[in-house]
Amino acid sequence: SSGINAEYGDIDGAAVMATVLNARLNDARVGVTTSNLLTSPTLLPEGSVVFLGDMFYDKPMADLILSWCDRNKGRGEFYVGDPGRWALEQGRMECVREYEMEDEDCREFSFVKVFKLLL
């Protein structure tokens, strides 16, 4: 085993299955859930590192995510991977990495960025 221990949440069962298969291929331990973690009253464990990918596609979703992050303030670090949609609150984010999109099928965005959420 690689020593990687992670928890993964997605309301899309197919995405969860893909994560399970990927973890097996990479000899990683990943706990998974299809529960909506954003509406859960449970707080994250201390020292968590959270990666939120491609989730800021509209204002209601962005508000839900930021509310959940605010509830977990001080419990870890939060990173967001996003191509820069309008619902991303730039004032609360610090860009830590930028990648050029090489996929010709994705003409909507030419870059994807990784932001650290400033809580």
C-alpha atoms as a PDB file:
ATOM      1  CA  SER A   1       0.000   0.000   0.000  1.00  0.00           C
ATOM      2  CA  SER A   2       1.219   3.501  -0.851  1.00  0.00           C
ATOM      3  CA  GLY A   3       0.311   4.944   2.532  1.00  0.00           C
ATOM      4  CA  ILE A   4      -2.206   7.330   1.004  1.00  0.00           C
ATOM      5  CA  ASN A   5      -5.357   7.582   3.084  1.00  0.00           C
ATOM      6  CA  ALA A   6      -8.185   9.692   1.718  1.00  0.00           C
ATOM      7  CA  GLU A   7     -11.900  10.246   1.966  1.00  0.00           C
ATOM      8  CA  TYR A   8     -13.915  11.005  -1.153  1.00  0.00           C
ATOM      9  CA  GLY A   9     -17.448  12.288  -1.448  1.00  0.00           C
ATOM     10  CA  ASP A  10     -19.595  12.712  -4.529  1.00  0.00           C
ATOM     11  CA  ILE A  11     -23.345  12.511  -5.048  1.00  0.00           C
ATOM     12  CA  ASP A  12     -22.682  10.901  -8.450  1.00  0.00           C
ATOM     13  CA  GLY A  13     -22.423   7.126  -7.982  1.00  0.00           C
ATOM     14  CA  ALA A  14     -20.498   6.700 -11.250  1.00  0.00           C
ATOM     15  CA  ALA A  15     -17.857   9.185 -10.068  1.00  0.00           C
ATOM     16  CA  VAL A  16     -17.547   7.290  -6.782  1.00  0.00           C
ATOM     17  CA  MET A  17     -17.057   4.008  -8.634  1.00  0.00           C
ATOM     18  CA  ALA A  18     -14.386   5.571 -10.858  1.00  0.00           C
ATOM     19  CA  THR A  19     -12.577   6.775  -7.731  1.00  0.00           C
ATOM     20  CA  VAL A  20     -12.724   3.318  -6.142  1.00  0.00           C
ATOM     21  CA  LEU A  21     -11.282   1.724  -9.296  1.00  0.00           C
ATOM     22  CA  ASN A  22      -8.566   4.378  -9.555  1.00  0.00           C
ATOM     23  CA  ALA A  23      -7.611   3.846  -5.910  1.00  0.00           C
ATOM     24  CA  ARG A  24      -7.318   0.083  -6.455  1.00  0.00           C
ATOM     25  CA  LEU A  25      -5.116   0.609  -9.506  1.00  0.00           C
ATOM     26  CA  ASN A  26      -2.878   2.939  -7.476  1.00  0.00           C
ATOM     27  CA  ASP A  27      -2.840   0.845  -4.294  1.00  0.00           C
ATOM     28  CA  ALA A  28      -4.391   3.680  -2.287  1.00  0.00           C
ATOM     29  CA  ARG A  29      -6.887   3.515   0.567  1.00  0.00           C
ATOM     30  CA  VAL A  30      -9.898   5.695  -0.154  1.00  0.00           C
ATOM     31  CA  GLY A  31     -13.090   5.825   1.855  1.00  0.00           C
ATOM     32  CA  VAL A  32     -16.033   6.880  -0.276  1.00  0.00           C
ATOM     33  CA  THR A  33     -19.538   8.179   0.260  1.00  0.00           C
ATOM     34  CA  THR A  34     -22.426   9.326  -1.903  1.00  0.00           C
ATOM     35  CA  SER A  35     -23.815  11.383   0.991  1.00  0.00           C
ATOM     36  CA  ASN A  36     -24.013  15.108   0.381  1.00  0.00           C
ATOM     37  CA  LEU A  37     -21.203  16.266   2.663  1.00  0.00           C
ATOM     38  CA  LEU A  38     -22.021  19.924   2.015  1.00  0.00           C
ATOM     39  CA  THR A  39     -25.297  19.613   3.922  1.00  0.00           C
ATOM     40  CA  SER A  40     -23.935  17.387   6.688  1.00  0.00           C
ATOM     41  CA  PRO A  41     -23.644  18.863  10.191  1.00  0.00           C
ATOM     42  CA  THR A  42     -20.518  16.725  10.775  1.00  0.00           C
ATOM     43  CA  LEU A  43     -17.296  18.724  10.961  1.00  0.00           C
ATOM     44  CA  LEU A  44     -14.065  17.667   9.292  1.00  0.00           C
ATOM     45  CA  PRO A  45     -11.298  16.085  11.354  1.00  0.00           C
ATOM     46  CA  GLU A  46      -8.554  18.498  12.488  1.00  0.00           C
ATOM     47  CA  GLY A  47      -5.721  18.805   9.972  1.00  0.00           C
ATOM     48  CA  SER A  48      -7.830  17.949   6.936  1.00  0.00           C
ATOM     49  CA  VAL A  49      -6.771  18.932   3.439  1.00  0.00           C
ATOM     50  CA  VAL A  50      -9.792  19.359   1.178  1.00  0.00           C
ATOM     51  CA  PHE A  51      -9.760  19.485  -2.621  1.00  0.00           C
ATOM     52  CA  LEU A  52     -12.901  20.780  -4.327  1.00  0.00           C
ATOM     53  CA  GLY A  53     -12.893  20.231  -8.054  1.00  0.00           C
ATOM     54  CA  ASP A  54     -14.980  21.930 -10.705  1.00  0.00           C
ATOM     55  CA  MET A  55     -17.860  22.764  -8.371  1.00  0.00           C
ATOM     56  CA  PHE A  56     -18.324  26.542  -8.648  1.00  0.00           C
ATOM     57  CA  TYR A  57     -20.554  26.427 -11.709  1.00  0.00           C
ATOM     58  CA  ASP A  58     -23.372  28.612 -10.337  1.00  0.00           C
ATOM     59  CA  LYS A  59     -24.010  31.012  -7.451  1.00  0.00           C
ATOM     60  CA  PRO A  60     -26.255  28.729  -5.327  1.00  0.00           C
ATOM     61  CA  MET A  61     -23.676  25.923  -5.471  1.00  0.00           C
ATOM     62  CA  ALA A  62     -20.820  28.323  -4.731  1.00  0.00           C
ATOM     63  CA  ASP A  63     -22.733  29.697  -1.713  1.00  0.00           C
ATOM     64  CA  LEU A  64     -23.367  26.156  -0.399  1.00  0.00           C
ATOM     65  CA  ILE A  65     -19.690  25.218  -0.767  1.00  0.00           C
ATOM     66  CA  LEU A  66     -18.427  28.385   0.894  1.00  0.00           C
ATOM     67  CA  SER A  67     -20.901  27.996   3.761  1.00  0.00           C
ATOM     68  CA  TRP A  68     -19.622  24.438   4.350  1.00  0.00           C
ATOM     69  CA  CYS A  69     -16.010  25.634   4.231  1.00  0.00           C
ATOM     70  CA  ASP A  70     -16.806  28.449   6.683  1.00  0.00           C
ATOM     71  CA  ARG A  71     -18.353  25.905   9.098  1.00  0.00           C
ATOM     72  CA  ASN A  72     -15.078  23.964   8.934  1.00  0.00           C
ATOM     73  CA  LYS A  73     -12.815  27.010   9.301  1.00  0.00           C
ATOM     74  CA  GLY A  74      -9.672  26.207  11.280  1.00  0.00           C
ATOM     75  CA  ARG A  75      -9.982  22.457  10.721  1.00  0.00           C
ATOM     76  CA  GLY A  76      -7.678  22.304   7.700  1.00  0.00           C
ATOM     77  CA  GLU A  77      -6.786  23.733   4.326  1.00  0.00           C
ATOM     78  CA  PHE A  78      -9.127  24.064   1.365  1.00  0.00           C
ATOM     79  CA  TYR A  79      -8.094  24.037  -2.293  1.00  0.00           C
ATOM     80  CA  VAL A  80     -10.287  24.620  -5.329  1.00  0.00           C
ATOM     81  CA  GLY A  81      -9.574  23.441  -8.863  1.00  0.00           C
ATOM     82  CA  ASP A  82     -11.578  25.451 -11.365  1.00  0.00           C
ATOM     83  CA  PRO A  83     -11.230  26.972 -14.834  1.00  0.00           C
ATOM     84  CA  GLY A  84     -12.359  30.358 -13.469  1.00  0.00           C
ATOM     85  CA  ARG A  85     -16.127  30.398 -13.595  1.00  0.00           C
ATOM     86  CA  TRP A  86     -18.091  33.490 -12.643  1.00  0.00           C
ATOM     87  CA  ALA A  87     -19.346  31.985  -9.361  1.00  0.00           C
ATOM     88  CA  LEU A  88     -15.806  31.614  -8.030  1.00  0.00           C
ATOM     89  CA  GLU A  89     -15.307  34.284  -5.379  1.00  0.00           C
ATOM     90  CA  GLN A  90     -11.896  35.592  -6.366  1.00  0.00           C
ATOM     91  CA  GLY A  91     -11.597  37.765  -3.239  1.00  0.00           C
ATOM     92  CA  ARG A  92     -11.618  34.676  -1.026  1.00  0.00           C
ATOM     93  CA  MET A  93      -9.161  32.718  -3.140  1.00  0.00           C
ATOM     94  CA  GLU A  94      -5.438  32.869  -3.771  1.00  0.00           C
ATOM     95  CA  CYS A  95      -4.208  31.289  -7.010  1.00  0.00           C
ATOM     96  CA  VAL A  96      -1.419  28.828  -6.174  1.00  0.00           C
ATOM     97  CA  ARG A  97      -1.078  27.089  -9.557  1.00  0.00           C
ATOM     98  CA  GLU A  98      -2.230  27.467 -13.144  1.00  0.00           C
ATOM     99  CA  TYR A  99      -2.288  24.820 -15.860  1.00  0.00           C
ATOM    100  CA  GLU A 100      -2.831  25.290 -19.577  1.00  0.00           C
ATOM    101  CA  MET A 101      -5.622  23.148 -20.991  1.00  0.00           C
ATOM    102  CA  GLU A 102      -4.335  20.997 -23.815  1.00  0.00           C
ATOM    103  CA  ASP A 103      -7.608  19.241 -24.602  1.00  0.00           C
ATOM    104  CA  GLU A 104      -8.951  20.546 -27.901  1.00  0.00           C
ATOM    105  CA  ASP A 105     -12.424  19.304 -26.929  1.00  0.00           C
ATOM    106  CA  CYS A 106     -12.572  21.862 -24.096  1.00  0.00           C
ATOM    107  CA  ARG A 107     -12.677  25.169 -25.931  1.00  0.00           C
ATOM    108  CA  GLU A 108     -14.623  26.973 -23.204  1.00  0.00           C
ATOM    109  CA  PHE A 109     -11.552  27.438 -20.990  1.00  0.00           C
ATOM    110  CA  SER A 110      -7.868  27.629 -21.907  1.00  0.00           C
ATOM    111  CA  PHE A 111      -6.534  27.402 -18.342  1.00  0.00           C
ATOM    112  CA  VAL A 112      -7.470  25.675 -15.124  1.00  0.00           C
ATOM    113  CA  LYS A 113      -6.324  27.119 -11.824  1.00  0.00           C
ATOM    114  CA  VAL A 114      -5.829  25.805  -8.309  1.00  0.00           C
ATOM    115  CA  PHE A 115      -6.816  28.252  -5.604  1.00  0.00           C
ATOM    116  CA  LYS A 116      -6.290  28.162  -1.855  1.00  0.00           C
ATOM    117  CA  LEU A 117      -9.463  29.244  -0.085  1.00  0.00           C
ATOM    118  CA  LEU A 118      -8.797  32.081   2.354  1.00  0.00           C
ATOM    119  CA  LEU A 119     -10.996  31.588   5.403  1.00  0.00           C
END
